Protein backbone atom coordinates (compact mmCIF):
# COMPACT_ATOMS: atom_id res chain seq x y z
CA MET A 1 157.08 127.34 68.63
CA ALA A 2 153.54 127.66 67.52
CA ILE A 3 151.12 125.37 68.83
CA GLU A 4 149.55 123.12 65.83
CA ARG A 5 146.20 121.88 66.88
CA ILE A 6 145.38 119.79 63.31
CA ALA A 7 146.54 116.28 64.09
CA ASN A 8 149.43 115.07 62.55
CA THR A 9 152.50 112.34 62.88
CA ASP A 10 153.53 111.91 66.55
CA PHE A 11 155.96 109.22 66.79
CA LYS A 12 156.28 109.00 70.39
CA SER A 13 152.19 108.27 70.22
CA LEU A 14 153.01 106.16 67.35
CA HIS A 15 155.81 104.11 68.94
CA GLU A 16 153.17 103.87 72.51
CA LEU A 17 150.42 102.57 70.10
CA LYS A 18 152.36 100.14 68.32
CA ARG A 19 153.56 98.51 71.93
CA GLU A 20 150.28 98.32 73.48
CA SER A 21 148.90 96.65 69.78
CA ARG A 22 151.07 94.26 70.78
CA GLN A 23 149.92 93.53 73.75
CA ASP A 24 146.27 94.53 73.05
CA SER A 25 145.79 95.24 69.74
CA LYS A 26 141.46 95.28 70.58
CA LYS A 27 142.50 97.97 73.14
CA ALA A 28 144.58 100.03 70.92
CA LEU A 29 142.08 100.17 68.08
CA PRO A 30 140.28 102.70 68.97
CA GLN A 31 143.33 105.02 69.35
CA VAL A 32 144.28 103.97 66.51
CA ALA A 33 141.05 104.70 64.60
CA LYS A 34 140.86 108.12 66.30
CA GLN A 35 144.46 109.37 64.48
CA PHE A 36 143.16 107.91 61.45
CA GLU A 37 140.04 110.32 61.69
CA GLY A 38 141.95 113.10 62.67
CA LEU A 39 144.38 112.74 59.68
CA PHE A 40 141.10 112.28 57.13
CA LEU A 41 139.97 115.22 58.72
CA GLN A 42 142.81 116.90 57.80
CA SER A 43 142.88 116.21 54.37
CA LEU A 44 139.35 116.62 53.81
CA LEU A 45 139.31 120.25 54.74
CA LYS A 46 143.01 120.69 53.39
CA THR A 47 140.85 119.74 49.74
CA MET A 48 137.87 121.60 50.56
CA ARG A 49 139.96 124.66 50.52
CA MET A 50 141.35 124.27 46.87
CA SER A 51 137.60 124.99 45.94
CA SER A 52 138.78 128.55 46.66
CA HIS A 53 141.47 128.55 43.63
CA PHE A 54 137.92 129.06 41.87
CA VAL A 55 136.07 132.03 43.78
CA ASP A 56 135.90 135.20 42.28
CA GLU A 57 139.22 137.31 42.88
CA LYS A 58 137.28 139.85 44.86
CA SER A 59 135.62 137.64 47.19
CA PRO A 60 136.42 138.64 50.69
CA PHE A 61 137.41 134.74 50.68
CA ARG A 62 140.83 135.56 48.42
CA GLY A 63 143.73 137.30 49.32
CA ARG A 64 147.20 137.15 51.00
CA ASN A 65 145.94 136.77 54.36
CA ALA A 66 142.83 133.95 53.42
CA GLU A 67 145.15 131.26 53.88
CA THR A 68 146.63 132.25 56.85
CA PHE A 69 143.56 132.82 58.69
CA GLN A 70 141.73 129.75 57.29
CA GLU A 71 144.43 127.29 58.11
CA MET A 72 144.17 128.90 62.10
CA LEU A 73 140.18 128.32 61.46
CA ASP A 74 140.73 124.82 59.98
CA GLY A 75 142.81 123.63 63.30
CA GLN A 76 140.21 124.85 65.64
CA TYR A 77 137.67 123.07 63.59
CA VAL A 78 139.46 120.04 63.88
CA ASP A 79 140.89 120.30 67.22
CA LYS A 80 136.82 120.30 68.34
CA MET A 81 135.82 117.22 66.00
CA ILE A 82 137.99 114.85 66.93
CA LYS A 83 137.83 115.76 70.53
CA SER A 84 133.99 115.31 70.95
CA PRO A 85 132.77 112.14 72.28
CA SER A 86 132.08 109.97 68.68
CA GLY A 87 133.86 112.76 66.70
CA ILE A 88 132.18 113.09 63.04
CA GLY A 89 131.32 108.32 63.57
CA ILE A 90 134.32 107.37 61.17
CA ALA A 91 136.85 106.17 64.26
CA GLU A 92 133.60 104.50 65.85
CA MET A 93 132.97 102.67 62.64
CA LEU A 94 136.18 101.71 62.12
CA THR A 95 136.43 100.54 65.62
CA LYS A 96 133.27 98.76 65.02
CA GLN A 97 134.42 96.98 61.64
CA LEU A 98 137.51 95.39 63.04
CA GLY A 99 136.58 94.52 66.05
CA GLY A 100 137.01 96.44 68.61
CA LYS A 101 134.79 97.74 71.24
CA ILE A 102 132.83 101.26 70.93
CA ASP A 103 130.80 103.02 73.27
CA LYS A 104 127.13 102.55 73.14
CA THR A 105 126.30 104.61 75.48
CA LYS A 106 125.11 107.31 73.05
CA THR A 107 121.50 106.18 70.93
CA PRO A 108 121.69 106.66 66.76
CA THR A 109 119.48 110.18 67.47
CA GLU A 110 122.64 111.54 70.17
CA ILE A 111 125.09 110.63 67.44
CA GLY A 112 122.94 112.32 64.44
CA GLN A 113 122.98 114.94 66.32
CA ILE A 114 126.95 115.17 66.94
CA ALA A 115 127.32 114.38 63.26
CA HIS A 116 124.91 117.31 62.04
CA GLN A 117 126.89 119.82 64.15
CA TYR A 118 129.45 119.82 61.60
CA THR A 119 128.05 118.92 58.45
CA ILE A 120 128.08 121.19 55.72
CA PRO A 121 124.95 122.88 54.36
CA LYS A 122 124.08 121.44 50.43
CA GLY A 123 125.16 124.17 48.43
CA ASP A 124 123.51 125.75 45.12
CA ALA A 125 125.28 125.55 42.12
CA LEU A 126 123.66 128.49 40.54
CA LYS A 127 124.77 130.67 43.45
CA ILE A 128 128.17 130.59 42.95
CA ASN A 129 127.61 133.24 40.47
CA ASN A 130 126.95 135.21 43.04
CA ALA A 131 130.31 134.84 45.11
CA LYS A 132 130.86 137.83 46.09
CA THR A 133 127.60 138.25 47.95
CA GLU A 134 126.59 134.73 48.88
CA LEU A 135 130.06 133.16 50.42
CA ALA A 136 130.21 135.27 52.93
CA PRO A 137 127.08 134.75 55.64
CA LYS A 138 127.36 137.95 58.39
CA GLU A 139 126.82 135.88 61.08
CA ALA A 140 130.60 133.96 61.08
CA GLU A 141 132.10 137.05 59.35
CA SER A 142 130.80 138.85 62.78
CA THR A 143 131.72 136.49 65.24
CA SER A 144 134.99 136.21 63.72
CA SER A 145 135.25 140.29 63.83
CA THR A 146 134.48 139.95 67.65
CA MET A 147 136.76 137.31 68.16
CA ILE A 148 139.59 138.96 67.35
CA GLU A 149 138.51 142.33 68.44
CA ASN A 150 138.10 140.80 72.30
CA PHE A 151 141.80 139.62 71.81
CA VAL A 152 143.54 142.46 70.86
CA SER A 153 141.55 144.49 73.22
CA SER A 154 142.34 142.52 76.28
CA ILE A 155 146.02 142.40 75.61
CA TRP A 156 146.04 146.19 73.91
CA SER A 157 147.70 147.98 77.16
CA LYS A 158 150.15 145.49 77.81
CA ALA A 159 151.01 144.53 74.11
CA LYS A 160 151.56 148.91 74.07
CA GLN A 161 154.11 148.53 77.15
CA ALA A 162 156.04 145.27 75.96
CA ALA A 163 156.67 147.04 72.38
CA ALA A 164 158.00 150.63 73.89
CA SER A 165 160.59 148.96 75.80
CA MET A 166 161.69 147.24 72.50
CA GLY A 167 161.27 150.16 70.02
CA LEU A 168 158.59 147.81 68.48
CA ASP A 169 155.34 148.53 66.99
CA PRO A 170 152.88 146.74 69.17
CA LYS A 171 151.04 145.36 66.63
CA MET A 172 153.84 143.03 66.00
CA LEU A 173 153.45 141.25 68.87
CA ILE A 174 149.94 141.28 68.53
CA ALA A 175 149.98 139.49 65.10
CA GLN A 176 152.81 136.86 66.50
CA ALA A 177 150.46 136.43 69.79
CA ALA A 178 147.75 135.86 67.53
CA LEU A 179 149.13 133.26 65.52
CA GLU A 180 150.82 131.79 68.41
CA THR A 181 147.27 131.21 69.87
CA GLY A 182 145.10 131.69 67.46
CA TRP A 183 143.87 135.05 68.27
CA GLY A 184 143.36 133.53 72.02
CA GLN A 185 141.08 130.45 71.87
CA SER A 186 144.37 128.17 71.82
CA VAL A 187 146.21 129.45 74.77
CA ALA A 188 148.01 126.33 75.88
CA LYS A 189 146.43 124.86 79.34
CA ASP A 190 147.75 122.47 82.03
CA SER A 191 146.16 119.31 83.31
CA ASP A 192 143.53 120.88 85.23
CA GLY A 193 142.13 122.81 82.50
CA SER A 194 143.83 126.48 84.07
CA SER A 195 145.84 128.71 81.54
CA SER A 196 149.38 128.75 81.03
CA ASN A 197 148.85 132.44 79.79
CA ASN A 198 151.45 132.22 77.48
CA LEU A 199 150.89 134.17 74.59
CA PHE A 200 154.38 133.51 72.65
CA ASN A 201 154.49 129.62 73.49
CA ILE A 202 158.18 130.10 75.36
CA LYS A 203 159.01 127.03 76.33
CA SER A 204 160.57 125.75 79.87
CA GLY A 205 163.91 125.09 80.13
CA SER A 206 166.42 124.03 82.91
CA ASN A 207 166.89 127.58 84.34
CA SER A 208 163.21 128.67 84.21
CA ASP A 209 161.80 129.96 87.37
CA PHE A 210 158.35 129.29 85.48
CA ALA A 211 155.95 126.49 86.41
CA SER A 212 155.16 124.83 83.21
CA VAL A 213 152.36 122.92 81.25
CA LYS A 214 153.33 119.69 79.08
CA ILE A 215 151.33 119.38 75.73
CA LYS A 216 151.84 118.10 72.43
CA THR A 217 153.15 120.66 69.99
CA THR A 218 154.49 120.97 66.31
CA GLU A 219 158.14 121.27 64.98
CA TYR A 220 159.69 121.32 61.90
CA ILE A 221 162.45 118.89 60.90
CA ALA A 222 163.60 119.34 57.52
CA ASP A 223 160.30 121.01 56.41
CA THR A 224 158.35 118.39 57.60
CA PRO A 225 155.27 118.74 60.98
CA ILE A 226 156.27 116.44 63.33
CA LYS A 227 154.31 116.35 66.59
CA VAL A 228 155.71 116.34 69.42
CA SER A 229 155.72 116.26 73.63
CA ALA A 230 157.30 119.82 74.97
CA SER A 231 157.01 121.50 78.33
CA PHE A 232 156.02 125.24 78.22
CA ARG A 233 156.05 128.05 80.51
CA LYS A 234 153.08 129.06 82.69
CA TYR A 235 152.77 132.43 84.22
CA GLU A 236 150.26 133.89 86.38
CA SER A 237 149.21 136.63 84.42
CA VAL A 238 149.15 137.82 80.39
CA GLU A 239 151.47 140.81 81.64
CA ASP A 240 154.19 138.04 82.96
CA SER A 241 154.34 136.45 79.71
CA PHE A 242 154.78 139.85 77.66
CA ASN A 243 157.68 140.36 80.26
CA ASP A 244 159.11 137.35 79.82
CA TYR A 245 159.34 137.71 75.91
CA VAL A 246 160.79 141.17 76.26
CA ALA A 247 163.77 139.27 78.42
CA LEU A 248 164.00 136.84 76.13
CA ILE A 249 164.29 139.04 73.45
CA LYS A 250 166.73 141.71 75.04
CA ASN A 251 168.81 138.76 77.07
CA ASN A 252 169.62 136.52 74.31
CA ASN A 253 172.42 136.99 71.51
CA ARG A 254 170.72 135.02 68.97
CA TYR A 255 168.05 137.36 68.81
CA GLN A 256 170.38 140.46 68.66
CA SER A 257 169.81 141.32 65.33
CA ALA A 258 166.16 140.76 65.45
CA LEU A 259 165.98 143.66 68.32
CA ASP A 260 168.40 145.96 66.22
CA HIS A 261 165.86 145.81 63.60
CA ALA A 262 162.71 146.65 65.86
CA GLY A 263 161.86 149.66 64.23
CA ASN A 264 161.91 147.75 61.18
CA PRO A 265 158.74 145.41 62.08
CA GLU A 266 159.09 143.13 58.73
CA ARG A 267 162.84 143.42 59.23
CA TYR A 268 162.28 142.25 63.22
CA VAL A 269 159.92 139.20 62.28
CA ASN A 270 162.31 137.94 59.46
CA GLU A 271 165.10 138.21 61.78
CA LEU A 272 163.29 136.98 64.67
CA SER A 273 162.47 133.57 62.47
CA LYS A 274 166.24 133.53 61.08
CA ALA A 275 167.32 133.24 64.63
CA GLY A 276 165.33 129.90 64.96
CA TYR A 277 162.21 130.91 67.18
CA ALA A 278 159.87 128.83 65.69
CA THR A 279 161.36 125.71 63.34
CA ASP A 280 158.32 126.62 61.12
CA PRO A 281 159.78 127.61 57.95
CA ASN A 282 156.79 130.04 57.31
CA TYR A 283 156.67 131.48 60.78
CA GLY A 284 157.74 134.76 59.50
CA SER A 285 155.50 134.89 56.62
CA LYS A 286 152.52 134.30 58.55
CA ILE A 287 153.14 136.59 61.47
CA LEU A 288 153.41 139.52 58.76
CA SER A 289 150.22 138.40 56.82
CA ILE A 290 147.98 138.83 60.35
CA TYR A 291 150.23 141.73 60.77
CA HIS A 292 149.30 143.57 57.29
CA SER A 293 145.52 142.16 57.66
CA GLN A 294 141.84 144.41 57.52
CA GLU A 295 140.91 142.19 60.72
CA LEU A 296 143.95 143.46 62.70
CA ASN A 297 144.30 146.82 61.78
CA GLU A 298 140.34 147.70 62.09
CA ALA A 299 140.59 146.07 65.45
CA MET A 300 143.99 148.24 66.23
CA LYS A 301 141.94 151.50 65.20
CA LYS A 302 138.81 150.50 67.37
CA CYS A 303 141.38 149.98 70.67
CA GLU A 304 143.04 153.31 69.76
CA LEU A 305 139.61 155.53 69.36
CA ALA A 306 138.76 153.71 72.90
CA GLU A 307 141.79 155.13 74.47
CA PRO A 308 141.14 158.28 77.18
CA VAL A 309 142.47 161.46 75.58
């Protein structure tokens, strides 16, 4: 159920583009170019991350949790870049070269400023030897830590209540919510921009009494990611989201095995994954990666210390 922010193949959208291109190829061109730009960025970031294999093993960029966190962060990068008016310029360039219409309202200076936002500063090959100290900007690290701490503190009390009713470690619920929402940065929103408060990306069924929001999400078919449109429940509050999650796990027989092993966080999430909570074949391992991460543990400690005695 995890919402994917990186562009993937969306068969429905491709079909619509194909139909539109037959009617008016120039009108469809900007959309096709935009999809290409998203795929290009996805491939670019993936290639860039491969360089981490050559980083010192003691570097903060290495470790079993790094890949999961980096994937979540990269998803936010791509989402932000392709949603900006001019993206990084590739879609606009393709549209122009292939004869389509482009937005001429932006000056070259403005376009350059947009591109500069996503430019990676030139590195110094000599600094690779100091990877342990040079490759982790304090500002970026501080921003990431603050984001995680804010997310954890905002749902800590609700997570404790929900977990207690299930006999589960509240940290496991927070880890799952973190994966589903990118630490609260990508909670599903309605068309008017209002939050769905859906921390676990529970879909809206025919028997649901909740309102719903329709968004694009990624489902895995035969371990292949396919981007589709789906409806998700919308709650009045985060507390309602936790309550509905607990009700879903407790009242659905398919999750009984997970509930039976709630006292063992690792077993719980593995049983949850086996029961088909999400179609991502790596869903359980991704949650456990966050669950055991130093970042989450430190944020949890701060929440516990802040509690009144």
